[in-house]
Amino acid sequence: MKIFNKKATFEYEILERLEAGVNLTGAEVKSIKGGHAQLTGAFVRIIGSEAYLVNAQIFPYIYARPEGYDPKRTRKLLLHKTELIRLKSKLEGANLTLVPLSWYTKGPRVKLEVGLARGKKEYEKREVKRKEDQRRELERDYRGKVK
């Protein structure tokens, strides 16, 4: 099961991608494997020498106890120290941000794909939307006519 953050690719230009583990509870893992998670509006913040996933929503697992569960709690990302130092230096040097792109499973583990991104301007977003509309119209016009 792979859960995407579709808004991230529209809002940001992804410069670099990397894989990170996430510190989760058992019920959260089962919920993500069932597809009950959302990355819209989430971001990654580096505090000190640790990275955290902020504002990602994992809905409660239906068979787990709901007492004291916060679906939007801050979760620690598991990265190597060298990766953290490299990311921190890149973030300080330019106007970049870390954006979660997708949740996915790799064997029994749940991984988070994180992207080093630069925000797009409004005119860049309009250009992407215009090109997508043109491509869709061409497909509609030539559907069934080209062999």
N, C-alpha and C. Protein backbone atom coordinates (compact mmCIF):
# COMPACT_ATOMS: atom_id res chain seq x y z
N MET A 1 0.86 -1.18 0.00
CA MET A 1 0.00 0.00 0.00
C MET A 1 0.90 1.23 0.00
N LYS A 2 0.61 2.15 -0.90
CA LYS A 2 1.39 3.38 -0.98
C LYS A 2 0.42 4.56 -0.90
N ILE A 3 0.68 5.47 0.01
CA ILE A 3 -0.17 6.65 0.19
C ILE A 3 0.62 7.87 -0.23
N PHE A 4 0.10 8.61 -1.21
CA PHE A 4 0.81 9.75 -1.78
C PHE A 4 0.34 11.08 -1.20
N ASN A 5 1.22 12.07 -1.27
CA ASN A 5 0.88 13.46 -0.97
C ASN A 5 0.85 14.18 -2.32
N LYS A 6 -0.31 14.18 -2.96
CA LYS A 6 -0.43 14.72 -4.32
C LYS A 6 -0.21 16.22 -4.37
N LYS A 7 -0.56 16.89 -3.30
CA LYS A 7 -0.41 18.34 -3.28
C LYS A 7 1.05 18.77 -3.24
N ALA A 8 1.92 17.91 -2.72
CA ALA A 8 3.34 18.27 -2.59
C ALA A 8 3.97 18.48 -3.96
N THR A 9 3.68 17.62 -4.92
CA THR A 9 4.29 17.76 -6.24
C THR A 9 3.73 18.96 -6.99
N PHE A 10 2.53 19.40 -6.64
CA PHE A 10 1.95 20.58 -7.27
C PHE A 10 2.48 21.87 -6.64
N GLU A 11 2.63 21.87 -5.33
CA GLU A 11 3.07 23.06 -4.61
C GLU A 11 4.59 23.27 -4.64
N TYR A 12 5.35 22.17 -4.78
CA TYR A 12 6.80 22.25 -4.67
C TYR A 12 7.50 21.60 -5.85
N GLU A 13 8.69 22.08 -6.14
CA GLU A 13 9.59 21.44 -7.11
C GLU A 13 10.52 20.55 -6.30
N ILE A 14 10.45 19.24 -6.51
CA ILE A 14 11.22 18.29 -5.73
C ILE A 14 12.63 18.19 -6.32
N LEU A 15 13.63 18.52 -5.51
CA LEU A 15 15.02 18.50 -5.96
C LEU A 15 15.72 17.19 -5.63
N GLU A 16 15.37 16.60 -4.50
CA GLU A 16 16.05 15.38 -4.05
C GLU A 16 15.08 14.57 -3.20
N ARG A 17 15.15 13.25 -3.33
CA ARG A 17 14.28 12.36 -2.55
C ARG A 17 15.13 11.45 -1.67
N LEU A 18 14.60 11.14 -0.47
CA LEU A 18 15.28 10.19 0.39
C LEU A 18 14.26 9.42 1.21
N GLU A 19 14.72 8.27 1.72
CA GLU A 19 13.86 7.37 2.47
C GLU A 19 14.16 7.47 3.95
N ALA A 20 13.11 7.53 4.76
CA ALA A 20 13.30 7.62 6.20
C ALA A 20 12.35 6.64 6.89
N GLY A 21 12.82 6.07 7.98
CA GLY A 21 11.96 5.26 8.82
C GLY A 21 11.18 6.18 9.74
N VAL A 22 10.10 5.68 10.30
CA VAL A 22 9.26 6.49 11.18
C VAL A 22 9.01 5.72 12.47
N ASN A 23 9.06 6.41 13.60
CA ASN A 23 8.80 5.82 14.90
C ASN A 23 7.29 5.79 15.11
N LEU A 24 6.68 4.60 14.96
CA LEU A 24 5.23 4.46 15.04
C LEU A 24 4.85 3.41 16.08
N THR A 25 3.59 3.46 16.51
CA THR A 25 3.05 2.42 17.37
C THR A 25 2.49 1.31 16.48
N GLY A 26 2.18 0.17 17.08
CA GLY A 26 1.66 -0.96 16.31
C GLY A 26 0.34 -0.66 15.63
N ALA A 27 -0.55 0.03 16.33
CA ALA A 27 -1.85 0.36 15.75
C ALA A 27 -1.70 1.33 14.58
N GLU A 28 -0.73 2.24 14.67
CA GLU A 28 -0.50 3.17 13.57
C GLU A 28 0.02 2.45 12.34
N VAL A 29 0.88 1.46 12.54
CA VAL A 29 1.40 0.68 11.41
C VAL A 29 0.25 -0.05 10.71
N LYS A 30 -0.62 -0.67 11.48
CA LYS A 30 -1.76 -1.39 10.90
C LYS A 30 -2.69 -0.43 10.16
N SER A 31 -2.87 0.74 10.70
CA SER A 31 -3.73 1.73 10.06
C SER A 31 -3.13 2.20 8.74
N ILE A 32 -1.82 2.44 8.69
CA ILE A 32 -1.17 2.86 7.45
C ILE A 32 -1.22 1.75 6.41
N LYS A 33 -0.99 0.51 6.84
CA LYS A 33 -1.06 -0.62 5.90
C LYS A 33 -2.46 -0.79 5.34
N GLY A 34 -3.46 -0.35 6.09
CA GLY A 34 -4.84 -0.38 5.60
C GLY A 34 -5.20 0.83 4.76
N GLY A 35 -4.28 1.78 4.63
CA GLY A 35 -4.52 2.95 3.79
C GLY A 35 -5.22 4.10 4.50
N HIS A 36 -5.23 4.10 5.83
CA HIS A 36 -5.94 5.11 6.59
C HIS A 36 -4.99 6.18 7.13
N ALA A 37 -4.31 6.86 6.24
CA ALA A 37 -3.39 7.93 6.64
C ALA A 37 -3.45 9.04 5.59
N GLN A 38 -2.98 10.22 5.99
CA GLN A 38 -3.05 11.39 5.11
C GLN A 38 -1.83 12.27 5.36
N LEU A 39 -1.19 12.71 4.27
CA LEU A 39 0.00 13.55 4.37
C LEU A 39 -0.26 14.99 3.95
N THR A 40 -1.48 15.33 3.59
CA THR A 40 -1.79 16.68 3.16
C THR A 40 -1.56 17.66 4.30
N GLY A 41 -0.76 18.67 4.03
CA GLY A 41 -0.47 19.69 5.03
C GLY A 41 0.66 19.32 5.98
N ALA A 42 1.26 18.16 5.79
CA ALA A 42 2.34 17.73 6.68
C ALA A 42 3.68 18.29 6.22
N PHE A 43 4.62 18.40 7.14
CA PHE A 43 5.96 18.87 6.81
C PHE A 43 6.96 18.24 7.77
N VAL A 44 8.23 18.32 7.40
CA VAL A 44 9.30 17.76 8.22
C VAL A 44 10.10 18.91 8.80
N ARG A 45 10.40 18.82 10.09
CA ARG A 45 11.16 19.86 10.76
C ARG A 45 12.36 19.21 11.46
N ILE A 46 13.52 19.82 11.30
CA ILE A 46 14.73 19.34 11.98
C ILE A 46 14.94 20.20 13.22
N ILE A 47 14.89 19.55 14.38
CA ILE A 47 15.07 20.23 15.66
C ILE A 47 16.28 19.59 16.34
N GLY A 48 17.31 20.40 16.53
CA GLY A 48 18.54 19.88 17.12
C GLY A 48 19.20 18.92 16.15
N SER A 49 19.36 17.67 16.57
CA SER A 49 19.96 16.66 15.70
C SER A 49 18.96 15.55 15.38
N GLU A 50 17.66 15.89 15.38
CA GLU A 50 16.63 14.92 15.08
C GLU A 50 15.61 15.52 14.12
N ALA A 51 15.02 14.68 13.28
CA ALA A 51 13.99 15.11 12.34
C ALA A 51 12.63 14.61 12.81
N TYR A 52 11.61 15.45 12.64
CA TYR A 52 10.26 15.11 13.08
C TYR A 52 9.26 15.35 11.96
N LEU A 53 8.27 14.46 11.87
CA LEU A 53 7.16 14.62 10.94
C LEU A 53 6.03 15.29 11.70
N VAL A 54 5.62 16.47 11.22
CA VAL A 54 4.63 17.28 11.92
C VAL A 54 3.36 17.34 11.08
N ASN A 55 2.23 17.20 11.74
CA ASN A 55 0.90 17.42 11.15
C ASN A 55 0.47 16.34 10.17
N ALA A 56 1.09 15.17 10.17
CA ALA A 56 0.62 14.04 9.36
C ALA A 56 -0.48 13.34 10.14
N GLN A 57 -1.52 12.95 9.44
CA GLN A 57 -2.67 12.37 10.14
C GLN A 57 -2.75 10.87 9.85
N ILE A 58 -2.72 10.09 10.93
CA ILE A 58 -2.93 8.64 10.84
C ILE A 58 -4.21 8.36 11.62
N PHE A 59 -5.23 7.93 10.91
CA PHE A 59 -6.52 7.70 11.54
C PHE A 59 -6.45 6.49 12.47
N PRO A 60 -7.24 6.47 13.53
CA PRO A 60 -7.16 5.37 14.51
C PRO A 60 -7.51 4.02 13.87
N TYR A 61 -6.78 3.00 14.27
CA TYR A 61 -7.06 1.64 13.84
C TYR A 61 -8.34 1.19 14.53
N ILE A 62 -9.25 0.60 13.76
CA ILE A 62 -10.59 0.34 14.30
C ILE A 62 -10.61 -0.68 15.44
N TYR A 63 -9.62 -1.59 15.49
CA TYR A 63 -9.62 -2.61 16.53
C TYR A 63 -8.72 -2.25 17.72
N ALA A 64 -8.11 -1.07 17.69
CA ALA A 64 -7.24 -0.64 18.79
C ALA A 64 -8.03 0.20 19.78
N ARG A 65 -7.50 0.35 20.97
CA ARG A 65 -8.15 1.18 21.98
C ARG A 65 -7.98 2.65 21.63
N PRO A 66 -9.05 3.41 21.63
CA PRO A 66 -8.96 4.82 21.21
C PRO A 66 -8.54 5.78 22.31
N GLU A 67 -8.38 5.33 23.55
CA GLU A 67 -8.09 6.24 24.65
C GLU A 67 -6.73 6.91 24.47
N GLY A 68 -6.74 8.23 24.50
CA GLY A 68 -5.51 9.00 24.48
C GLY A 68 -4.77 9.00 23.16
N TYR A 69 -5.43 8.64 22.07
CA TYR A 69 -4.76 8.60 20.77
C TYR A 69 -4.90 9.95 20.07
N ASP A 70 -3.80 10.51 19.63
CA ASP A 70 -3.79 11.78 18.89
C ASP A 70 -3.39 11.48 17.45
N PRO A 71 -4.31 11.61 16.48
CA PRO A 71 -3.99 11.26 15.09
C PRO A 71 -2.96 12.18 14.45
N LYS A 72 -2.78 13.39 14.97
CA LYS A 72 -1.84 14.33 14.37
C LYS A 72 -0.60 14.56 15.23
N ARG A 73 -0.23 13.58 16.02
CA ARG A 73 0.94 13.76 16.89
C ARG A 73 2.21 13.87 16.06
N THR A 74 3.22 14.48 16.64
CA THR A 74 4.51 14.63 15.99
C THR A 74 5.27 13.32 16.10
N ARG A 75 5.78 12.81 14.96
CA ARG A 75 6.47 11.53 14.93
C ARG A 75 7.93 11.71 14.56
N LYS A 76 8.79 10.98 15.22
CA LYS A 76 10.23 11.09 14.98
C LYS A 76 10.61 10.29 13.72
N LEU A 77 11.45 10.90 12.89
CA LEU A 77 11.95 10.22 11.70
C LEU A 77 13.30 9.60 12.02
N LEU A 78 13.55 8.44 11.46
CA LEU A 78 14.78 7.70 11.72
C LEU A 78 15.71 7.86 10.52
N LEU A 79 16.70 8.73 10.67
CA LEU A 79 17.68 9.02 9.63
C LEU A 79 19.08 8.87 10.20
N HIS A 80 20.05 8.61 9.33
CA HIS A 80 21.44 8.55 9.75
C HIS A 80 21.92 9.97 10.09
N LYS A 81 22.90 10.05 10.97
CA LYS A 81 23.42 11.34 11.41
C LYS A 81 24.00 12.12 10.22
N THR A 82 24.68 11.42 9.32
CA THR A 82 25.26 12.11 8.16
C THR A 82 24.19 12.69 7.26
N GLU A 83 23.06 11.95 7.08
CA GLU A 83 21.95 12.47 6.29
C GLU A 83 21.36 13.72 6.92
N LEU A 84 21.21 13.68 8.25
CA LEU A 84 20.66 14.84 8.95
C LEU A 84 21.56 16.07 8.81
N ILE A 85 22.86 15.87 8.94
CA ILE A 85 23.79 16.99 8.83
C ILE A 85 23.76 17.57 7.42
N ARG A 86 23.72 16.68 6.41
CA ARG A 86 23.68 17.13 5.02
C ARG A 86 22.39 17.90 4.73
N LEU A 87 21.26 17.37 5.21
CA LEU A 87 19.98 18.06 5.00
C LEU A 87 19.94 19.40 5.71
N LYS A 88 20.44 19.44 6.93
CA LYS A 88 20.43 20.67 7.71
C LYS A 88 21.26 21.76 7.01
N SER A 89 22.41 21.38 6.47
CA SER A 89 23.25 22.37 5.77
C SER A 89 22.58 22.86 4.49
N LYS A 90 21.89 21.97 3.78
CA LYS A 90 21.19 22.39 2.56
C LYS A 90 20.01 23.31 2.87
N LEU A 91 19.30 23.03 3.97
CA LEU A 91 18.16 23.86 4.35
C LEU A 91 18.61 25.26 4.76
N GLU A 92 19.73 25.35 5.45
CA GLU A 92 20.22 26.66 5.90
C GLU A 92 20.75 27.48 4.73
N GLY A 93 21.35 26.81 3.75
CA GLY A 93 22.00 27.52 2.65
C GLY A 93 21.04 28.12 1.65
N ALA A 94 19.93 27.49 1.38
CA ALA A 94 19.00 27.96 0.35
C ALA A 94 17.59 28.03 0.91
N ASN A 95 16.69 28.52 0.11
CA ASN A 95 15.28 28.64 0.51
C ASN A 95 14.57 27.32 0.19
N LEU A 96 14.89 26.27 0.95
CA LEU A 96 14.36 24.93 0.71
C LEU A 96 13.57 24.46 1.93
N THR A 97 12.78 23.41 1.71
CA THR A 97 12.02 22.81 2.78
C THR A 97 11.99 21.30 2.60
N LEU A 98 11.66 20.58 3.65
CA LEU A 98 11.51 19.14 3.59
C LEU A 98 10.02 18.81 3.59
N VAL A 99 9.58 18.03 2.59
CA VAL A 99 8.17 17.73 2.41
C VAL A 99 8.00 16.21 2.36
N PRO A 100 7.05 15.64 3.11
CA PRO A 100 6.77 14.21 2.98
C PRO A 100 6.03 13.94 1.68
N LEU A 101 6.48 12.94 0.93
CA LEU A 101 5.88 12.65 -0.37
C LEU A 101 4.97 11.43 -0.35
N SER A 102 5.36 10.37 0.37
CA SER A 102 4.51 9.18 0.40
C SER A 102 4.89 8.27 1.57
N TRP A 103 3.88 7.49 2.02
CA TRP A 103 4.09 6.39 2.96
C TRP A 103 4.14 5.13 2.12
N TYR A 104 4.97 4.19 2.46
CA TYR A 104 4.93 2.89 1.80
C TYR A 104 5.54 1.84 2.71
N THR A 105 5.29 0.58 2.40
CA THR A 105 5.83 -0.51 3.19
C THR A 105 7.00 -1.12 2.45
N LYS A 106 7.99 -1.52 3.22
CA LYS A 106 9.17 -2.19 2.69
C LYS A 106 9.39 -3.40 3.60
N GLY A 107 8.85 -4.53 3.17
CA GLY A 107 8.84 -5.69 4.05
C GLY A 107 7.86 -5.42 5.18
N PRO A 108 8.28 -5.67 6.43
CA PRO A 108 7.37 -5.42 7.55
C PRO A 108 7.41 -3.96 8.04
N ARG A 109 8.30 -3.15 7.47
CA ARG A 109 8.48 -1.78 7.95
C ARG A 109 7.71 -0.77 7.13
N VAL A 110 7.36 0.33 7.77
CA VAL A 110 6.71 1.45 7.08
C VAL A 110 7.76 2.54 6.89
N LYS A 111 7.89 2.99 5.65
CA LYS A 111 8.88 4.02 5.31
C LYS A 111 8.16 5.27 4.84
N LEU A 112 8.86 6.39 4.95
CA LEU A 112 8.34 7.67 4.50
C LEU A 112 9.32 8.22 3.47
N GLU A 113 8.80 8.58 2.30
CA GLU A 113 9.65 9.21 1.30
C GLU A 113 9.58 10.72 1.52
N VAL A 114 10.75 11.32 1.73
CA VAL A 114 10.86 12.74 2.03
C VAL A 114 11.56 13.42 0.86
N GLY A 115 11.07 14.60 0.49
CA GLY A 115 11.68 15.32 -0.61
C GLY A 115 12.23 16.66 -0.16
N LEU A 116 13.42 16.99 -0.64
CA LEU A 116 14.00 18.31 -0.44
C LEU A 116 13.42 19.17 -1.56
N ALA A 117 12.68 20.21 -1.22
CA ALA A 117 11.87 20.90 -2.22
C ALA A 117 12.02 22.42 -2.14
N ARG A 118 11.73 23.04 -3.27
CA ARG A 118 11.67 24.50 -3.38
C ARG A 118 10.24 24.85 -3.79
N GLY A 119 9.66 25.84 -3.14
CA GLY A 119 8.29 26.24 -3.44
C GLY A 119 8.14 26.81 -4.84
N LYS A 120 7.03 26.46 -5.50
CA LYS A 120 6.76 26.99 -6.84
C LYS A 120 6.04 28.33 -6.72
N LYS A 121 6.24 29.17 -7.72
CA LYS A 121 5.51 30.43 -7.81
C LYS A 121 4.15 30.17 -8.43
N GLU A 122 3.23 31.14 -8.30
CA GLU A 122 1.88 30.98 -8.83
C GLU A 122 1.88 30.77 -10.34
N TYR A 123 2.72 31.50 -11.06
CA TYR A 123 2.72 31.36 -12.51
C TYR A 123 3.24 29.99 -12.94
N GLU A 124 4.12 29.39 -12.16
CA GLU A 124 4.59 28.04 -12.48
C GLU A 124 3.48 27.02 -12.29
N LYS A 125 2.66 27.20 -11.26
CA LYS A 125 1.54 26.30 -11.02
C LYS A 125 0.51 26.42 -12.14
N ARG A 126 0.24 27.65 -12.58
CA ARG A 126 -0.71 27.86 -13.68
C ARG A 126 -0.21 27.21 -14.96
N GLU A 127 1.08 27.30 -15.21
CA GLU A 127 1.68 26.71 -16.41
C GLU A 127 1.52 25.19 -16.40
N VAL A 128 1.76 24.56 -15.26
CA VAL A 128 1.61 23.12 -15.15
C VAL A 128 0.16 22.71 -15.40
N LYS A 129 -0.76 23.47 -14.83
CA LYS A 129 -2.19 23.16 -15.00
C LYS A 129 -2.61 23.34 -16.46
N ARG A 130 -2.09 24.38 -17.13
CA ARG A 130 -2.44 24.63 -18.53
C ARG A 130 -1.92 23.50 -19.42
N LYS A 131 -0.69 23.05 -19.18
CA LYS A 131 -0.13 21.95 -19.97
C LYS A 131 -0.91 20.65 -19.77
N GLU A 132 -1.32 20.39 -18.55
CA GLU A 132 -2.11 19.19 -18.26
C GLU A 132 -3.46 19.24 -18.97
N ASP A 133 -4.09 20.42 -18.98
CA ASP A 133 -5.37 20.57 -19.69
C ASP A 133 -5.19 20.36 -21.20
N GLN A 134 -4.11 20.89 -21.78
CA GLN A 134 -3.85 20.70 -23.20
C GLN A 134 -3.62 19.22 -23.52
N ARG A 135 -2.86 18.53 -22.70
CA ARG A 135 -2.61 17.11 -22.92
C ARG A 135 -3.90 16.31 -22.86
N ARG A 136 -4.78 16.65 -21.90
CA ARG A 136 -6.06 15.96 -21.75
C ARG A 136 -6.95 16.19 -22.96
N GLU A 137 -6.98 17.44 -23.48
CA GLU A 137 -7.79 17.74 -24.67
C GLU A 137 -7.27 17.00 -25.90
N LEU A 138 -5.94 16.92 -26.07
CA LEU A 138 -5.39 16.17 -27.19
C LEU A 138 -5.75 14.70 -27.11
N GLU A 139 -5.67 14.12 -25.93
CA GLU A 139 -6.05 12.72 -25.77
C GLU A 139 -7.52 12.51 -26.10
N ARG A 140 -8.36 13.44 -25.69
CA ARG A 140 -9.79 13.34 -25.96
C ARG A 140 -10.07 13.46 -27.45
N ASP A 141 -9.37 14.39 -28.14
CA ASP A 141 -9.60 14.60 -29.57
C ASP A 141 -9.15 13.42 -30.41
N TYR A 142 -8.01 12.82 -30.05
CA TYR A 142 -7.45 11.75 -30.87
C TYR A 142 -7.75 10.35 -30.34
N ARG A 143 -8.66 10.23 -29.41
CA ARG A 143 -9.01 8.94 -28.85
C ARG A 143 -9.65 8.06 -29.94
N GLY A 144 -9.07 6.92 -30.21
CA GLY A 144 -9.64 5.98 -31.18
C GLY A 144 -9.31 6.30 -32.62
N LYS A 145 -8.63 7.41 -32.94
CA LYS A 145 -8.35 7.79 -34.32
C LYS A 145 -6.94 7.40 -34.75
N VAL A 146 -6.03 7.27 -33.82
CA VAL A 146 -4.64 6.96 -34.14
C VAL A 146 -4.41 5.48 -33.87
N LYS A 147 -3.81 4.79 -34.85
CA LYS A 147 -3.55 3.35 -34.67
C LYS A 147 -2.10 3.07 -34.61
